[in-house]
PDB file of N, CA and C in Angstrom:
ATOM      1  N   MET A   1    -172.694 -27.011  -4.627  1.00  0.00           N
ATOM      2  CA  MET A   1    -172.466 -28.083  -4.429  1.00  0.00           C
ATOM      3  C   MET A   1    -173.272 -28.981  -3.462  1.00  0.00           C
ATOM      4  N   GLU A   2    -173.762 -29.978  -3.883  1.00  0.00           N
ATOM      5  CA  GLU A   2    -174.823 -30.710  -3.042  1.00  0.00           C
ATOM      6  C   GLU A   2    -174.019 -31.327  -1.816  1.00  0.00           C
ATOM      7  N   GLY A   3    -174.477 -31.101  -0.470  1.00  0.00           N
ATOM      8  CA  GLY A   3    -173.900 -31.988   0.458  1.00  0.00           C
ATOM      9  C   GLY A   3    -172.827 -30.948   1.209  1.00  0.00           C
ATOM     10  N   SER A   4    -172.598 -30.003   0.634  1.00  0.00           N
ATOM     11  CA  SER A   4    -171.824 -28.904   1.302  1.00  0.00           C
ATOM     12  C   SER A   4    -172.241 -28.247   2.353  1.00  0.00           C
ATOM     13  N   ILE A   5    -171.667 -27.588   3.297  1.00  0.00           N
ATOM     14  CA  ILE A   5    -172.248 -26.652   4.483  1.00  0.00           C
ATOM     15  C   ILE A   5    -171.854 -25.487   4.350  1.00  0.00           C
ATOM     16  N   ASN A   6    -172.734 -24.780   4.570  1.00  0.00           N
ATOM     17  CA  ASN A   6    -172.737 -23.032   4.394  1.00  0.00           C
ATOM     18  C   ASN A   6    -171.282 -22.750   5.288  1.00  0.00           C
ATOM     19  N   GLU A   7    -170.695 -21.786   4.805  1.00  0.00           N
ATOM     20  CA  GLU A   7    -169.579 -21.149   5.519  1.00  0.00           C
ATOM     21  C   GLU A   7    -169.936 -20.517   6.939  1.00  0.00           C
ATOM     22  N   GLU A   8    -170.998 -19.811   7.133  1.00  0.00           N
ATOM     23  CA  GLU A   8    -171.424 -19.448   8.401  1.00  0.00           C
ATOM     24  C   GLU A   8    -171.912 -20.404   9.342  1.00  0.00           C
ATOM     25  N   ILE A   9    -172.435 -21.465   8.933  1.00  0.00           N
ATOM     26  CA  ILE A   9    -172.964 -22.590   9.733  1.00  0.00           C
ATOM     27  C   ILE A   9    -171.458 -23.440  10.164  1.00  0.00           C
ATOM     28  N   LYS A  10    -170.559 -23.521   9.302  1.00  0.00           N
ATOM     29  CA  LYS A  10    -169.336 -24.054   9.604  1.00  0.00           C
ATOM     30  C   LYS A  10    -168.632 -23.213  10.864  1.00  0.00           C
ATOM     31  N   SER A  11    -168.794 -21.917  10.638  1.00  0.00           N
ATOM     32  CA  SER A  11    -168.078 -21.140  11.697  1.00  0.00           C
ATOM     33  C   SER A  11    -168.759 -20.952  12.898  1.00  0.00           C
ATOM     34  N   GLN A  12    -170.187 -21.230  12.973  1.00  0.00           N
ATOM     35  CA  GLN A  12    -171.131 -21.336  14.359  1.00  0.00           C
ATOM     36  C   GLN A  12    -170.659 -22.439  15.166  1.00  0.00           C
ATOM     37  N   ARG A  13    -170.556 -23.544  13.885  1.00  0.00           N
ATOM     38  CA  ARG A  13    -170.234 -25.028  14.736  1.00  0.00           C
ATOM     39  C   ARG A  13    -168.854 -25.115  15.397  1.00  0.00           C
ATOM     40  N   LEU A  14    -167.753 -24.537  14.642  1.00  0.00           N
ATOM     41  CA  LEU A  14    -166.444 -24.397  15.313  1.00  0.00           C
ATOM     42  C   LEU A  14    -166.407 -23.766  16.260  1.00  0.00           C
ATOM     43  N   ASN A  15    -167.124 -22.455  16.566  1.00  0.00           N
ATOM     44  CA  ASN A  15    -167.045 -21.656  17.721  1.00  0.00           C
ATOM     45  C   ASN A  15    -167.614 -22.329  18.799  1.00  0.00           C
ATOM     46  N   GLU A  16    -168.900 -23.121  18.617  1.00  0.00           N
ATOM     47  CA  GLU A  16    -169.608 -23.832  19.652  1.00  0.00           C
ATOM     48  C   GLU A  16    -168.345 -24.878  20.183  1.00  0.00           C
ATOM     49  N   ILE A  17    -167.877 -25.631  19.398  1.00  0.00           N
ATOM     50  CA  ILE A  17    -166.997 -26.637  19.645  1.00  0.00           C
ATOM     51  C   ILE A  17    -165.784 -25.842  20.476  1.00  0.00           C
ATOM     52  N   LEU A  18    -165.178 -24.774  20.273  1.00  0.00           N
ATOM     53  CA  LEU A  18    -164.283 -24.027  21.011  1.00  0.00           C
ATOM     54  C   LEU A  18    -164.680 -23.633  22.283  1.00  0.00           C
ATOM     55  N   ARG A  19    -165.875 -23.167  22.437  1.00  0.00           N
ATOM     56  CA  ARG A  19    -166.341 -22.898  23.566  1.00  0.00           C
ATOM     57  C   ARG A  19    -166.582 -24.034  24.506  1.00  0.00           C
ATOM     58  N   LEU A  20    -166.973 -24.891  24.202  1.00  0.00           N
ATOM     59  CA  LEU A  20    -167.196 -26.315  24.748  1.00  0.00           C
ATOM     60  C   LEU A  20    -165.737 -26.812  25.568  1.00  0.00           C
ATOM     61  N   GLN A  21    -164.829 -26.675  24.374  1.00  0.00           N
ATOM     62  CA  GLN A  21    -163.424 -27.138  25.154  1.00  0.00           C
ATOM     63  C   GLN A  21    -162.985 -26.168  25.951  1.00  0.00           C
ATOM     64  N   ASP A  22    -163.087 -24.744  25.840  1.00  0.00           N
ATOM     65  CA  ASP A  22    -162.800 -23.884  26.960  1.00  0.00           C
ATOM     66  C   ASP A  22    -163.337 -24.218  28.164  1.00  0.00           C
ATOM     67  N   ASP A  23    -164.570 -24.407  28.254  1.00  0.00           N
ATOM     68  CA  ASP A  23    -165.216 -24.899  29.517  1.00  0.00           C
ATOM     69  C   ASP A  23    -164.773 -26.340  29.951  1.00  0.00           C
ATOM     70  N   ILE A  24    -164.399 -27.465  29.207  1.00  0.00           N
ATOM     71  CA  ILE A  24    -163.907 -28.497  29.872  1.00  0.00           C
ATOM     72  C   ILE A  24    -162.664 -28.443  30.229  1.00  0.00           C
ATOM     73  N   THR A  25    -161.662 -27.308  29.445  1.00  0.00           N
ATOM     74  CA  THR A  25    -160.614 -27.061  30.090  1.00  0.00           C
ATOM     75  C   THR A  25    -160.344 -26.300  31.313  1.00  0.00           C
ATOM     76  N   LEU A  26    -161.315 -25.565  31.414  1.00  0.00           N
ATOM     77  CA  LEU A  26    -161.534 -24.628  32.743  1.00  0.00           C
ATOM     78  C   LEU A  26    -161.814 -25.493  34.014  1.00  0.00           C
ATOM     79  N   ARG A  27    -162.714 -26.662  33.751  1.00  0.00           N
ATOM     80  CA  ARG A  27    -163.236 -27.358  34.667  1.00  0.00           C
ATOM     81  C   ARG A  27    -162.187 -28.202  35.098  1.00  0.00           C
ATOM     82  N   LYS A  28    -161.163 -28.820  34.329  1.00  0.00           N
ATOM     83  CA  LYS A  28    -160.428 -29.688  34.456  1.00  0.00           C
ATOM     84  C   LYS A  28    -159.093 -28.950  35.395  1.00  0.00           C
ATOM     85  N   ASN A  29    -158.842 -27.643  34.671  1.00  0.00           N
ATOM     86  CA  ASN A  29    -157.879 -26.794  35.686  1.00  0.00           C
ATOM     87  C   ASN A  29    -158.256 -26.621  36.906  1.00  0.00           C
ATOM     88  N   LYS A  30    -159.214 -26.305  37.255  1.00  0.00           N
ATOM     89  CA  LYS A  30    -160.059 -26.006  38.582  1.00  0.00           C
ATOM     90  C   LYS A  30    -160.039 -27.193  39.270  1.00  0.00           C
ATOM     91  N   GLU A  31    -160.012 -28.479  38.952  1.00  0.00           N
ATOM     92  CA  GLU A  31    -159.774 -29.796  39.612  1.00  0.00           C
ATOM     93  C   GLU A  31    -158.154 -29.635  40.528  1.00  0.00           C
ATOM     94  N   LEU A  32    -157.220 -28.997  39.815  1.00  0.00           N
ATOM     95  CA  LEU A  32    -156.108 -28.938  40.486  1.00  0.00           C
ATOM     96  C   LEU A  32    -155.656 -28.214  41.431  1.00  0.00           C
ATOM     97  N   ILE A  33    -157.004 -27.491  41.789  1.00  0.00           N
ATOM     98  CA  ILE A  33    -156.738 -26.423  42.940  1.00  0.00           C
ATOM     99  C   ILE A  33    -156.732 -27.186  44.087  1.00  0.00           C
ATOM    100  N   GLY A  34    -155.812 -26.610  45.130  1.00  0.00           N
ATOM    101  CA  GLY A  34    -155.182 -27.471  46.361  1.00  0.00           C
ATOM    102  C   GLY A  34    -154.295 -28.344  46.075  1.00  0.00           C
ATOM    103  N   THR A  35    -153.795 -28.961  44.982  1.00  0.00           N
ATOM    104  CA  THR A  35    -153.013 -30.103  44.789  1.00  0.00           C
ATOM    105  C   THR A  35    -151.493 -29.366  44.748  1.00  0.00           C
ATOM    106  N   LEU A  36    -150.488 -30.225  45.079  1.00  0.00           N
ATOM    107  CA  LEU A  36    -149.113 -30.066  44.775  1.00  0.00           C
ATOM    108  C   LEU A  36    -148.653 -30.459  43.502  1.00  0.00           C
ATOM    109  N   GLN A  37    -148.273 -29.518  42.590  1.00  0.00           N
ATOM    110  CA  GLN A  37    -147.573 -30.033  41.260  1.00  0.00           C
ATOM    111  C   GLN A  37    -146.095 -30.162  40.844  1.00  0.00           C
ATOM    112  N   GLU A  38    -145.717 -30.952  40.555  1.00  0.00           N
ATOM    113  CA  GLU A  38    -144.186 -30.770  40.191  1.00  0.00           C
ATOM    114  C   GLU A  38    -144.110 -30.070  39.026  1.00  0.00           C
ATOM    115  N   VAL A  39    -143.106 -28.873  38.976  1.00  0.00           N
ATOM    116  CA  VAL A  39    -143.100 -27.590  37.790  1.00  0.00           C
ATOM    117  C   VAL A  39    -141.757 -27.502  37.477  1.00  0.00           C
ATOM    118  N   LEU A  40    -141.457 -27.682  36.428  1.00  0.00           N
ATOM    119  CA  LEU A  40    -140.018 -27.435  35.728  1.00  0.00           C
ATOM    120  C   LEU A  40    -140.106 -25.897  35.695  1.00  0.00           C
ATOM    121  N   ILE A  41    -139.297 -24.992  36.400  1.00  0.00           N
ATOM    122  CA  ILE A  41    -139.429 -23.781  36.278  1.00  0.00           C
ATOM    123  C   ILE A  41    -138.661 -23.279  34.975  1.00  0.00           C
ATOM    124  N   GLU A  42    -139.210 -22.336  33.949  1.00  0.00           N
ATOM    125  CA  GLU A  42    -138.716 -21.859  32.921  1.00  0.00           C
ATOM    126  C   GLU A  42    -138.102 -20.657  32.868  1.00  0.00           C
ATOM    127  N   GLY A  43    -138.560 -19.571  33.856  1.00  0.00           N
ATOM    128  CA  GLY A  43    -138.162 -18.379  33.796  1.00  0.00           C
ATOM    129  C   GLY A  43    -139.244 -17.523  34.252  1.00  0.00           C
ATOM    130  N   ALA A  44    -138.842 -16.008  34.037  1.00  0.00           N
ATOM    131  CA  ALA A  44    -139.802 -15.207  34.146  1.00  0.00           C
ATOM    132  C   ALA A  44    -141.198 -15.258  33.525  1.00  0.00           C
ATOM    133  N   SER A  45    -142.374 -15.154  34.169  1.00  0.00           N
ATOM    134  CA  SER A  45    -143.786 -15.184  33.441  1.00  0.00           C
ATOM    135  C   SER A  45    -143.683 -14.043  32.324  1.00  0.00           C
ATOM    136  N   LYS A  46    -144.182 -14.554  30.967  1.00  0.00           N
ATOM    137  CA  LYS A  46    -144.185 -13.357  29.838  1.00  0.00           C
ATOM    138  C   LYS A  46    -145.101 -12.370  30.082  1.00  0.00           C
ATOM    139  N   THR A  47    -146.514 -12.620  30.893  1.00  0.00           N
ATOM    140  CA  THR A  47    -147.483 -11.584  31.354  1.00  0.00           C
ATOM    141  C   THR A  47    -147.274 -10.963  32.508  1.00  0.00           C
ATOM    142  N   ASP A  48    -146.501 -11.355  33.221  1.00  0.00           N
ATOM    143  CA  ASP A  48    -146.006 -10.727  34.814  1.00  0.00           C
ATOM    144  C   ASP A  48    -144.603 -10.992  35.208  1.00  0.00           C
ATOM    145  N   LYS A  49    -144.019  -9.959  34.756  1.00  0.00           N
ATOM    146  CA  LYS A  49    -142.592 -10.149  35.275  1.00  0.00           C
ATOM    147  C   LYS A  49    -141.943 -10.345  36.593  1.00  0.00           C
ATOM    148  N   GLY A  50    -143.053  -9.952  37.343  1.00  0.00           N
ATOM    149  CA  GLY A  50    -142.903 -10.259  39.027  1.00  0.00           C
ATOM    150  C   GLY A  50    -143.087 -11.825  39.145  1.00  0.00           C
ATOM    151  N   LYS A  51    -143.329 -12.524  38.175  1.00  0.00           N
ATOM    152  CA  LYS A  51    -143.814 -13.951  38.693  1.00  0.00           C
ATOM    153  C   LYS A  51    -143.040 -14.919  37.753  1.00  0.00           C
ATOM    154  N   LEU A  52    -142.696 -16.079  38.383  1.00  0.00           N
ATOM    155  CA  LEU A  52    -142.118 -16.855  37.621  1.00  0.00           C
ATOM    156  C   LEU A  52    -142.942 -17.927  36.843  1.00  0.00           C
ATOM    157  N   THR A  53    -142.694 -18.563  35.846  1.00  0.00           N
ATOM    158  CA  THR A  53    -143.467 -19.587  34.986  1.00  0.00           C
ATOM    159  C   THR A  53    -142.707 -20.960  35.016  1.00  0.00           C
ATOM    160  N   GLY A  54    -143.658 -21.925  34.815  1.00  0.00           N
ATOM    161  CA  GLY A  54    -143.106 -23.204  34.654  1.00  0.00           C
ATOM    162  C   GLY A  54    -144.102 -24.275  33.988  1.00  0.00           C
ATOM    163  N   ARG A  55    -143.808 -25.347  33.894  1.00  0.00           N
ATOM    164  CA  ARG A  55    -144.684 -26.279  33.299  1.00  0.00           C
ATOM    165  C   ARG A  55    -145.103 -27.600  34.036  1.00  0.00           C
ATOM    166  N   THR A  56    -146.077 -28.279  34.357  1.00  0.00           N
ATOM    167  CA  THR A  56    -145.970 -29.344  34.953  1.00  0.00           C
ATOM    168  C   THR A  56    -145.608 -30.595  34.169  1.00  0.00           C
ATOM    169  N   ARG A  57    -145.590 -31.805  34.761  1.00  0.00           N
ATOM    170  CA  ARG A  57    -145.496 -32.850  33.980  1.00  0.00           C
ATOM    171  C   ARG A  57    -146.073 -33.281  32.719  1.00  0.00           C
ATOM    172  N   THR A  58    -147.445 -32.404  32.873  1.00  0.00           N
ATOM    173  CA  THR A  58    -148.369 -32.816  31.661  1.00  0.00           C
ATOM    174  C   THR A  58    -148.468 -31.435  30.804  1.00  0.00           C
ATOM    175  N   ASN A  59    -147.295 -30.601  30.922  1.00  0.00           N
ATOM    176  CA  ASN A  59    -147.131 -29.379  30.288  1.00  0.00           C
ATOM    177  C   ASN A  59    -148.204 -28.412  30.250  1.00  0.00           C
ATOM    178  N   LYS A  60    -148.734 -28.173  31.753  1.00  0.00           N
ATOM    179  CA  LYS A  60    -149.610 -26.943  32.033  1.00  0.00           C
ATOM    180  C   LYS A  60    -148.865 -25.980  32.415  1.00  0.00           C
ATOM    181  N   ILE A  61    -149.262 -24.834  31.986  1.00  0.00           N
ATOM    182  CA  ILE A  61    -148.479 -23.547  32.542  1.00  0.00           C
ATOM    183  C   ILE A  61    -148.738 -23.381  33.898  1.00  0.00           C
ATOM    184  N   VAL A  62    -147.914 -23.156  34.707  1.00  0.00           N
ATOM    185  CA  VAL A  62    -148.244 -22.571  36.250  1.00  0.00           C
ATOM    186  C   VAL A  62    -147.525 -21.065  36.311  1.00  0.00           C
ATOM    187  N   ASN A  63    -147.947 -20.265  36.737  1.00  0.00           N
ATOM    188  CA  ASN A  63    -147.309 -18.671  37.406  1.00  0.00           C
ATOM    189  C   ASN A  63    -147.166 -18.682  38.772  1.00  0.00           C
ATOM    190  N   PHE A  64    -146.265 -18.158  39.306  1.00  0.00           N
ATOM    191  CA  PHE A  64    -146.086 -18.231  40.835  1.00  0.00           C
ATOM    192  C   PHE A  64    -145.174 -17.157  41.235  1.00  0.00           C
ATOM    193  N   GLU A  65    -145.305 -16.576  42.390  1.00  0.00           N
ATOM    194  CA  GLU A  65    -143.965 -15.741  42.895  1.00  0.00           C
ATOM    195  C   GLU A  65    -142.944 -16.602  43.466  1.00  0.00           C
ATOM    196  N   GLY A  66    -141.713 -16.225  43.042  1.00  0.00           N
ATOM    197  CA  GLY A  66    -140.882 -17.338  43.716  1.00  0.00           C
ATOM    198  C   GLY A  66    -139.275 -16.249  43.423  1.00  0.00           C
ATOM    199  N   ASP A  67    -138.419 -17.048  43.666  1.00  0.00           N
ATOM    200  CA  ASP A  67    -136.907 -16.350  43.648  1.00  0.00           C
ATOM    201  C   ASP A  67    -136.198 -16.950  42.353  1.00  0.00           C
ATOM    202  N   GLU A  68    -135.571 -16.354  41.449  1.00  0.00           N
ATOM    203  CA  GLU A  68    -135.224 -16.688  40.442  1.00  0.00           C
ATOM    204  C   GLU A  68    -133.926 -17.843  40.546  1.00  0.00           C
ATOM    205  N   SER A  69    -133.654 -18.056  41.684  1.00  0.00           N
ATOM    206  CA  SER A  69    -132.745 -19.425  42.026  1.00  0.00           C
ATOM    207  C   SER A  69    -133.261 -20.557  41.621  1.00  0.00           C
ATOM    208  N   VAL A  70    -134.581 -20.677  41.167  1.00  0.00           N
ATOM    209  CA  VAL A  70    -135.291 -21.942  41.091  1.00  0.00           C
ATOM    210  C   VAL A  70    -135.379 -22.334  39.614  1.00  0.00           C
ATOM    211  N   ILE A  71    -135.038 -21.083  38.980  1.00  0.00           N
ATOM    212  CA  ILE A  71    -135.067 -21.324  37.555  1.00  0.00           C
ATOM    213  C   ILE A  71    -134.307 -22.634  36.917  1.00  0.00           C
ATOM    214  N   GLY A  72    -134.984 -23.197  36.183  1.00  0.00           N
ATOM    215  CA  GLY A  72    -134.361 -24.800  35.795  1.00  0.00           C
ATOM    216  C   GLY A  72    -134.335 -25.906  36.477  1.00  0.00           C
ATOM    217  N   ARG A  73    -134.896 -25.727  37.754  1.00  0.00           N
ATOM    218  CA  ARG A  73    -135.205 -26.970  38.538  1.00  0.00           C
ATOM    219  C   ARG A  73    -136.670 -27.413  38.658  1.00  0.00           C
ATOM    220  N   LEU A  74    -137.167 -28.505  39.164  1.00  0.00           N
ATOM    221  CA  LEU A  74    -138.135 -29.048  39.271  1.00  0.00           C
ATOM    222  C   LEU A  74    -138.609 -28.773  40.636  1.00  0.00           C
ATOM    223  N   ILE A  75    -139.728 -28.270  41.002  1.00  0.00           N
ATOM    224  CA  ILE A  75    -140.187 -27.859  42.448  1.00  0.00           C
ATOM    225  C   ILE A  75    -141.539 -28.156  42.421  1.00  0.00           C
ATOM    226  N   SER A  76    -141.841 -28.334  43.684  1.00  0.00           N
ATOM    227  CA  SER A  76    -143.554 -28.555  44.106  1.00  0.00           C
ATOM    228  C   SER A  76    -144.020 -27.290  44.424  1.00  0.00           C
ATOM    229  N   VAL A  77    -145.331 -26.900  43.454  1.00  0.00           N
ATOM    230  CA  VAL A  77    -145.875 -25.761  43.559  1.00  0.00           C
ATOM    231  C   VAL A  77    -147.188 -26.072  43.894  1.00  0.00           C
ATOM    232  N   GLU A  78    -148.075 -25.151  44.658  1.00  0.00           N
ATOM    233  CA  GLU A  78    -149.575 -25.594  45.167  1.00  0.00           C
ATOM    234  C   GLU A  78    -150.188 -24.739  44.089  1.00  0.00           C
ATOM    235  N   ILE A  79    -151.115 -25.347  43.624  1.00  0.00           N
ATOM    236  CA  ILE A  79    -152.104 -24.541  42.799  1.00  0.00           C
ATOM    237  C   ILE A  79    -153.263 -24.025  43.807  1.00  0.00           C
ATOM    238  N   VAL A  80    -153.283 -22.748  43.279  1.00  0.00           N
ATOM    239  CA  VAL A  80    -154.476 -21.784  43.922  1.00  0.00           C
ATOM    240  C   VAL A  80    -155.524 -21.027  43.254  1.00  0.00           C
ATOM    241  N   ARG A  81    -155.184 -21.043  42.086  1.00  0.00           N
ATOM    242  CA  ARG A  81    -156.459 -20.549  41.124  1.00  0.00           C
ATOM    243  C   ARG A  81    -156.160 -21.151  39.639  1.00  0.00           C
ATOM    244  N   ALA A  82    -157.147 -21.172  39.094  1.00  0.00           N
ATOM    245  CA  ALA A  82    -157.031 -21.753  37.551  1.00  0.00           C
ATOM    246  C   ALA A  82    -157.745 -21.018  36.612  1.00  0.00           C
ATOM    247  N   MET A  83    -157.313 -20.755  35.399  1.00  0.00           N
ATOM    248  CA  MET A  83    -157.782 -20.132  34.101  1.00  0.00           C
ATOM    249  C   MET A  83    -157.941 -21.200  33.262  1.00  0.00           C
ATOM    250  N   ARG A  84    -158.143 -20.885  32.024  1.00  0.00           N
ATOM    251  CA  ARG A  84    -158.742 -21.660  31.074  1.00  0.00           C
ATOM    252  C   ARG A  84    -157.281 -22.321  30.316  1.00  0.00           C
ATOM    253  N   HIS A  85    -156.136 -21.313  30.503  1.00  0.00           N
ATOM    254  CA  HIS A  85    -154.786 -21.779  29.901  1.00  0.00           C
ATOM    255  C   HIS A  85    -153.871 -21.560  30.758  1.00  0.00           C
ATOM    256  N   SER A  86    -153.904 -21.427  31.831  1.00  0.00           N
ATOM    257  CA  SER A  86    -152.744 -21.390  32.949  1.00  0.00           C
ATOM    258  C   SER A  86    -153.177 -21.696  34.384  1.00  0.00           C
ATOM    259  N   ARG A  87    -152.614 -21.933  35.203  1.00  0.00           N
ATOM    260  CA  ARG A  87    -152.810 -22.059  36.782  1.00  0.00           C
ATOM    261  C   ARG A  87    -151.971 -20.947  37.470  1.00  0.00           C
ATOM    262  N   GLU A  88    -152.532 -20.661  38.580  1.00  0.00           N
ATOM    263  CA  GLU A  88    -151.584 -19.723  39.434  1.00  0.00           C
ATOM    264  C   GLU A  88    -151.130 -20.366  40.749  1.00  0.00           C
ATOM    265  N   GLY A  89    -150.050 -20.643  41.138  1.00  0.00           N
ATOM    266  CA  GLY A  89    -149.454 -21.145  42.100  1.00  0.00           C
ATOM    267  C   GLY A  89    -148.754 -20.262  43.119  1.00  0.00           C
ATOM    268  N   ARG A  90    -148.507 -21.235  44.256  1.00  0.00           N
ATOM    269  CA  ARG A  90    -147.559 -20.481  44.985  1.00  0.00           C
ATOM    270  C   ARG A  90    -146.662 -21.691  45.922  1.00  0.00           C
ATOM    271  N   LEU A  91    -145.478 -21.171  46.402  1.00  0.00           N
ATOM    272  CA  LEU A  91    -144.448 -22.172  47.062  1.00  0.00           C
ATOM    273  C   LEU A  91    -145.388 -22.895  48.093  1.00  0.00           C
ATOM    274  N   PRO A  92    -145.416 -23.858  48.505  1.00  0.00           N
ATOM    275  CA  PRO A  92    -145.962 -24.437  49.800  1.00  0.00           C
ATOM    276  C   PRO A  92    -145.674 -23.745  51.085  1.00  0.00           C
ATOM    277  N   SER A  93    -144.299 -23.110  51.290  1.00  0.00           N
ATOM    278  CA  SER A  93    -143.963 -22.470  52.347  1.00  0.00           C
ATOM    279  C   SER A  93    -144.471 -21.050  52.404  1.00  0.00           C
ATOM    280  N   GLN A  94    -145.216 -20.484  51.449  1.00  0.00           N
ATOM    281  CA  GLN A  94    -145.888 -19.278  51.319  1.00  0.00           C
ATOM    282  C   GLN A  94    -147.377 -19.557  51.719  1.00  0.00           C
ATOM    283  N   SER A  95    -147.779 -19.749  53.036  1.00  0.00           N
ATOM    284  CA  SER A  95    -148.950 -19.820  53.608  1.00  0.00           C
ATOM    285  C   SER A  95    -149.666 -18.297  53.463  1.00  0.00           C
ATOM    286  N   GLN A  96    -151.133 -18.442  53.348  1.00  0.00           N
ATOM    287  CA  GLN A  96    -151.831 -17.049  53.251  1.00  0.00           C
ATOM    288  C   GLN A  96    -152.305 -16.753  54.602  1.00  0.00           C
TER     289      GLN A  96
END
């Protein structure tokens, strides 16, 4: 069909866009390092049962060590590390 694009080229273009989006997302997440974010605590982290997980007001995932008594509450969490799809935090009273 005239004007159609080869499937391999479509796939290459999509992968290029996805890589670019990953780079942008990581850069924007890194901008949050050192900031306090209000986080609604959902429960134990799916990837690390020793940590809690929650979401910021902009629906960003934050994992951190904390007591289960904060589940269901909004608390301030300092962002200390950023990955593409989540952020690692700590409670402000947990100094290094």
